[in-house]
N, C-alpha and C. Protein backbone atom coordinates (compact mmCIF):
# COMPACT_ATOMS: atom_id res chain seq x y z
N MET A 1 -50.43 37.52 2.81
CA MET A 1 -51.29 37.07 1.72
C MET A 1 -51.66 38.32 0.94
N ALA A 2 -51.75 38.43 -0.27
CA ALA A 2 -52.06 39.46 -1.21
C ALA A 2 -53.56 39.68 -1.14
N ARG A 3 -54.21 40.74 -1.16
CA ARG A 3 -55.63 41.07 -1.32
C ARG A 3 -56.02 40.80 -2.78
N LYS A 4 -57.15 40.40 -3.15
CA LYS A 4 -57.61 40.34 -4.45
C LYS A 4 -57.97 41.81 -4.90
N PRO A 5 -57.44 41.99 -6.18
CA PRO A 5 -57.76 43.43 -6.57
C PRO A 5 -59.17 43.76 -6.89
N ARG A 6 -59.88 44.66 -6.41
CA ARG A 6 -61.20 44.98 -6.76
C ARG A 6 -61.29 45.67 -8.04
N ILE A 7 -62.41 45.46 -8.71
CA ILE A 7 -62.70 46.24 -9.93
C ILE A 7 -63.15 47.55 -9.69
N LYS A 8 -62.47 48.73 -10.21
CA LYS A 8 -62.79 50.12 -9.99
C LYS A 8 -64.26 50.34 -10.54
N GLY A 9 -64.98 51.10 -9.75
CA GLY A 9 -66.17 51.42 -10.28
C GLY A 9 -67.46 50.56 -10.02
N VAL A 10 -66.99 49.46 -9.49
CA VAL A 10 -68.16 48.40 -9.24
C VAL A 10 -68.22 48.35 -7.67
N ASP A 11 -69.49 48.33 -7.27
CA ASP A 11 -69.83 48.13 -5.88
C ASP A 11 -69.52 46.76 -5.35
N PRO A 12 -68.62 46.69 -4.39
CA PRO A 12 -68.13 45.55 -3.80
C PRO A 12 -69.20 44.64 -3.18
N GLU A 13 -70.36 45.16 -2.93
CA GLU A 13 -71.50 44.42 -2.29
C GLU A 13 -72.09 43.63 -3.43
N TYR A 14 -72.09 44.32 -4.56
CA TYR A 14 -72.64 43.83 -5.85
C TYR A 14 -71.70 42.51 -6.20
N LEU A 15 -70.38 42.66 -6.18
CA LEU A 15 -69.58 41.59 -6.68
C LEU A 15 -69.70 40.40 -5.72
N ASP A 16 -69.82 40.56 -4.38
CA ASP A 16 -70.07 39.62 -3.46
C ASP A 16 -71.61 38.91 -3.66
N ARG A 17 -72.49 39.71 -3.91
CA ARG A 17 -73.78 39.04 -4.15
C ARG A 17 -73.66 38.11 -5.53
N GLU A 18 -72.91 38.73 -6.41
CA GLU A 18 -72.88 38.08 -7.70
C GLU A 18 -72.04 36.69 -7.47
N ARG A 19 -71.01 36.80 -6.83
CA ARG A 19 -70.16 35.64 -6.50
C ARG A 19 -70.99 34.48 -5.59
N GLU A 20 -71.69 35.07 -4.85
CA GLU A 20 -72.66 34.14 -4.01
C GLU A 20 -73.54 33.47 -4.81
N SER A 21 -74.21 34.15 -5.94
CA SER A 21 -75.19 33.43 -6.58
C SER A 21 -74.56 32.45 -7.59
N LEU A 22 -73.33 32.42 -7.90
CA LEU A 22 -72.76 31.34 -8.63
C LEU A 22 -72.34 30.11 -7.93
N LEU A 23 -72.42 30.09 -6.58
CA LEU A 23 -71.99 28.92 -5.80
C LEU A 23 -72.95 27.64 -6.21
N ARG A 24 -72.54 26.61 -6.36
CA ARG A 24 -73.08 25.49 -6.39
C ARG A 24 -73.74 24.75 -5.31
N ARG A 25 -74.97 24.74 -4.96
CA ARG A 25 -75.46 24.21 -3.78
C ARG A 25 -76.29 23.08 -4.05
N ASN A 26 -76.76 22.84 -5.27
CA ASN A 26 -77.58 21.80 -5.49
C ASN A 26 -76.92 20.54 -6.12
N ARG A 27 -77.16 19.47 -5.62
CA ARG A 27 -76.26 18.31 -6.05
C ARG A 27 -77.19 17.28 -6.85
N GLN A 28 -76.78 16.78 -7.96
CA GLN A 28 -77.30 15.76 -8.76
C GLN A 28 -76.46 14.64 -8.85
N VAL A 29 -77.10 13.55 -9.03
CA VAL A 29 -76.26 12.41 -9.12
C VAL A 29 -76.67 11.48 -10.32
N ILE A 30 -75.83 11.09 -11.23
CA ILE A 30 -76.28 10.30 -12.43
C ILE A 30 -75.54 8.91 -12.18
N TYR A 31 -76.26 8.13 -12.83
CA TYR A 31 -75.73 6.66 -12.91
C TYR A 31 -75.48 6.38 -14.38
N LEU A 32 -74.29 5.68 -14.59
CA LEU A 32 -73.88 5.42 -16.05
C LEU A 32 -73.85 3.83 -16.08
N ASN A 33 -74.17 3.37 -17.39
CA ASN A 33 -73.85 1.86 -17.49
C ASN A 33 -72.38 1.67 -17.82
N ASP A 34 -72.00 0.49 -18.01
CA ASP A 34 -70.68 0.26 -18.32
C ASP A 34 -70.13 0.79 -19.65
N LYS A 35 -70.94 0.72 -20.74
CA LYS A 35 -70.80 1.15 -22.05
C LYS A 35 -70.50 2.78 -21.82
N GLU A 36 -71.41 3.44 -21.25
CA GLU A 36 -71.37 4.99 -21.12
C GLU A 36 -70.23 5.26 -20.34
N MET A 37 -69.73 4.44 -19.24
CA MET A 37 -68.62 4.93 -18.41
C MET A 37 -67.40 4.63 -19.22
N ALA A 38 -67.31 3.70 -20.06
CA ALA A 38 -66.10 3.52 -20.97
C ALA A 38 -65.96 4.46 -21.90
N ALA A 39 -67.11 5.04 -22.53
CA ALA A 39 -66.96 6.14 -23.44
C ALA A 39 -66.53 7.52 -22.75
N VAL A 40 -67.07 7.68 -21.60
CA VAL A 40 -66.57 8.94 -20.92
C VAL A 40 -65.08 8.75 -20.44
N ASP A 41 -64.75 7.55 -20.05
CA ASP A 41 -63.26 7.33 -19.65
C ASP A 41 -62.37 7.46 -20.94
N GLU A 42 -62.83 6.95 -22.13
CA GLU A 42 -62.18 7.09 -23.42
C GLU A 42 -61.99 8.55 -23.86
N TYR A 43 -63.00 9.25 -23.65
CA TYR A 43 -63.04 10.70 -23.98
C TYR A 43 -62.02 11.50 -23.15
N CYS A 44 -62.16 11.34 -21.84
CA CYS A 44 -61.38 11.86 -20.74
C CYS A 44 -59.67 11.56 -21.06
N SER A 45 -59.43 10.29 -21.38
CA SER A 45 -58.07 9.94 -21.50
C SER A 45 -57.41 10.55 -22.95
N ARG A 46 -58.53 10.55 -23.97
CA ARG A 46 -58.10 10.99 -25.26
C ARG A 46 -57.85 12.57 -25.19
N PHE A 47 -58.64 13.32 -24.71
CA PHE A 47 -58.65 14.80 -24.59
C PHE A 47 -58.03 15.25 -23.31
N LYS A 48 -57.46 14.59 -22.48
CA LYS A 48 -56.83 14.90 -21.36
C LYS A 48 -57.65 15.60 -20.22
N VAL A 49 -58.80 15.24 -20.17
CA VAL A 49 -59.87 15.87 -19.32
C VAL A 49 -59.56 15.42 -17.75
N ARG A 50 -59.34 16.21 -16.90
CA ARG A 50 -59.17 15.82 -15.53
C ARG A 50 -60.32 16.14 -14.76
N ALA A 51 -61.10 17.17 -14.99
CA ALA A 51 -62.32 17.65 -14.22
C ALA A 51 -63.58 17.06 -14.84
N ARG A 52 -63.83 15.78 -14.52
CA ARG A 52 -65.02 15.21 -15.18
C ARG A 52 -66.52 15.83 -14.74
N ALA A 53 -66.54 16.45 -13.51
CA ALA A 53 -67.67 17.17 -13.14
C ALA A 53 -68.03 18.50 -14.23
N SER A 54 -67.03 19.17 -14.44
CA SER A 54 -67.23 20.37 -15.17
C SER A 54 -67.49 19.86 -16.74
N LEU A 55 -67.00 18.68 -17.15
CA LEU A 55 -67.21 18.23 -18.42
C LEU A 55 -68.70 17.88 -18.45
N MET A 56 -69.24 17.15 -17.63
CA MET A 56 -70.70 16.72 -17.42
C MET A 56 -71.31 17.90 -17.39
N ARG A 57 -71.15 18.76 -16.68
CA ARG A 57 -71.97 19.96 -16.32
C ARG A 57 -72.07 20.83 -17.58
N GLU A 58 -71.03 20.97 -18.25
CA GLU A 58 -70.85 21.67 -19.64
C GLU A 58 -71.85 20.91 -20.62
N ALA A 59 -71.55 19.72 -20.86
CA ALA A 59 -72.41 18.97 -21.78
C ALA A 59 -73.90 18.99 -21.40
N ILE A 60 -74.26 18.80 -20.31
CA ILE A 60 -75.57 18.89 -19.83
C ILE A 60 -76.27 20.14 -20.09
N MET A 61 -75.70 21.29 -19.72
CA MET A 61 -76.22 22.57 -19.63
C MET A 61 -76.13 23.09 -21.27
N ASP A 62 -75.08 22.62 -22.08
CA ASP A 62 -75.30 22.80 -23.57
C ASP A 62 -76.56 22.24 -24.28
N LYS A 63 -76.75 20.99 -23.86
CA LYS A 63 -77.96 20.24 -24.34
C LYS A 63 -79.13 21.00 -23.98
N ILE A 64 -79.36 21.36 -22.65
CA ILE A 64 -80.53 21.84 -22.14
C ILE A 64 -80.77 23.36 -22.87
N LEU A 65 -79.76 24.16 -22.83
CA LEU A 65 -79.82 25.60 -23.32
C LEU A 65 -80.23 25.40 -24.72
N SER A 66 -79.55 24.53 -25.69
CA SER A 66 -79.84 24.48 -27.02
C SER A 66 -81.31 23.99 -27.15
N GLU A 67 -81.74 23.01 -26.43
CA GLU A 67 -83.08 22.68 -26.59
C GLU A 67 -84.24 23.76 -26.23
N LEU A 68 -83.93 24.46 -25.08
CA LEU A 68 -84.81 25.69 -24.82
C LEU A 68 -84.78 26.70 -25.66
N GLU A 69 -83.60 26.91 -26.61
CA GLU A 69 -83.53 27.97 -27.49
C GLU A 69 -84.25 27.56 -28.71
N GLU A 70 -84.37 26.23 -29.17
CA GLU A 70 -85.08 25.74 -30.19
C GLU A 70 -86.40 25.68 -30.02
N ASN A 71 -86.92 25.54 -28.83
CA ASN A 71 -88.49 25.28 -28.48
C ASN A 71 -88.80 26.56 -27.36
N HIS A 72 -88.39 27.61 -27.79
CA HIS A 72 -88.82 28.84 -27.02
C HIS A 72 -90.39 29.11 -27.45
N PRO A 73 -91.17 29.56 -26.37
CA PRO A 73 -92.45 29.90 -26.83
C PRO A 73 -92.77 31.04 -27.84
N THR A 74 -93.71 31.05 -28.75
CA THR A 74 -93.91 32.13 -29.65
C THR A 74 -95.48 32.66 -29.32
N LEU A 75 -95.63 33.85 -29.76
CA LEU A 75 -96.73 34.58 -29.57
C LEU A 75 -97.91 33.95 -30.70
N PHE A 76 -97.29 33.69 -31.75
CA PHE A 76 -98.48 33.30 -32.92
C PHE A 76 -98.19 31.78 -33.28
């Protein structure tokens, strides 16, 4: 089995910590009604999406980050 190439000049411990911080350990469950599920099914079949979890995660995080950016605190 081939070893993964390491990036030169970067501390391997740093890379391990960075990889560890990206692990998804927190589970969230959502419930969809029939119309919402039909819309998700239609979207996935139309655009050939296989990974629904990543689709949901990206859509949710896009919405959250855009809302946070629009409503950031100001000093005045």
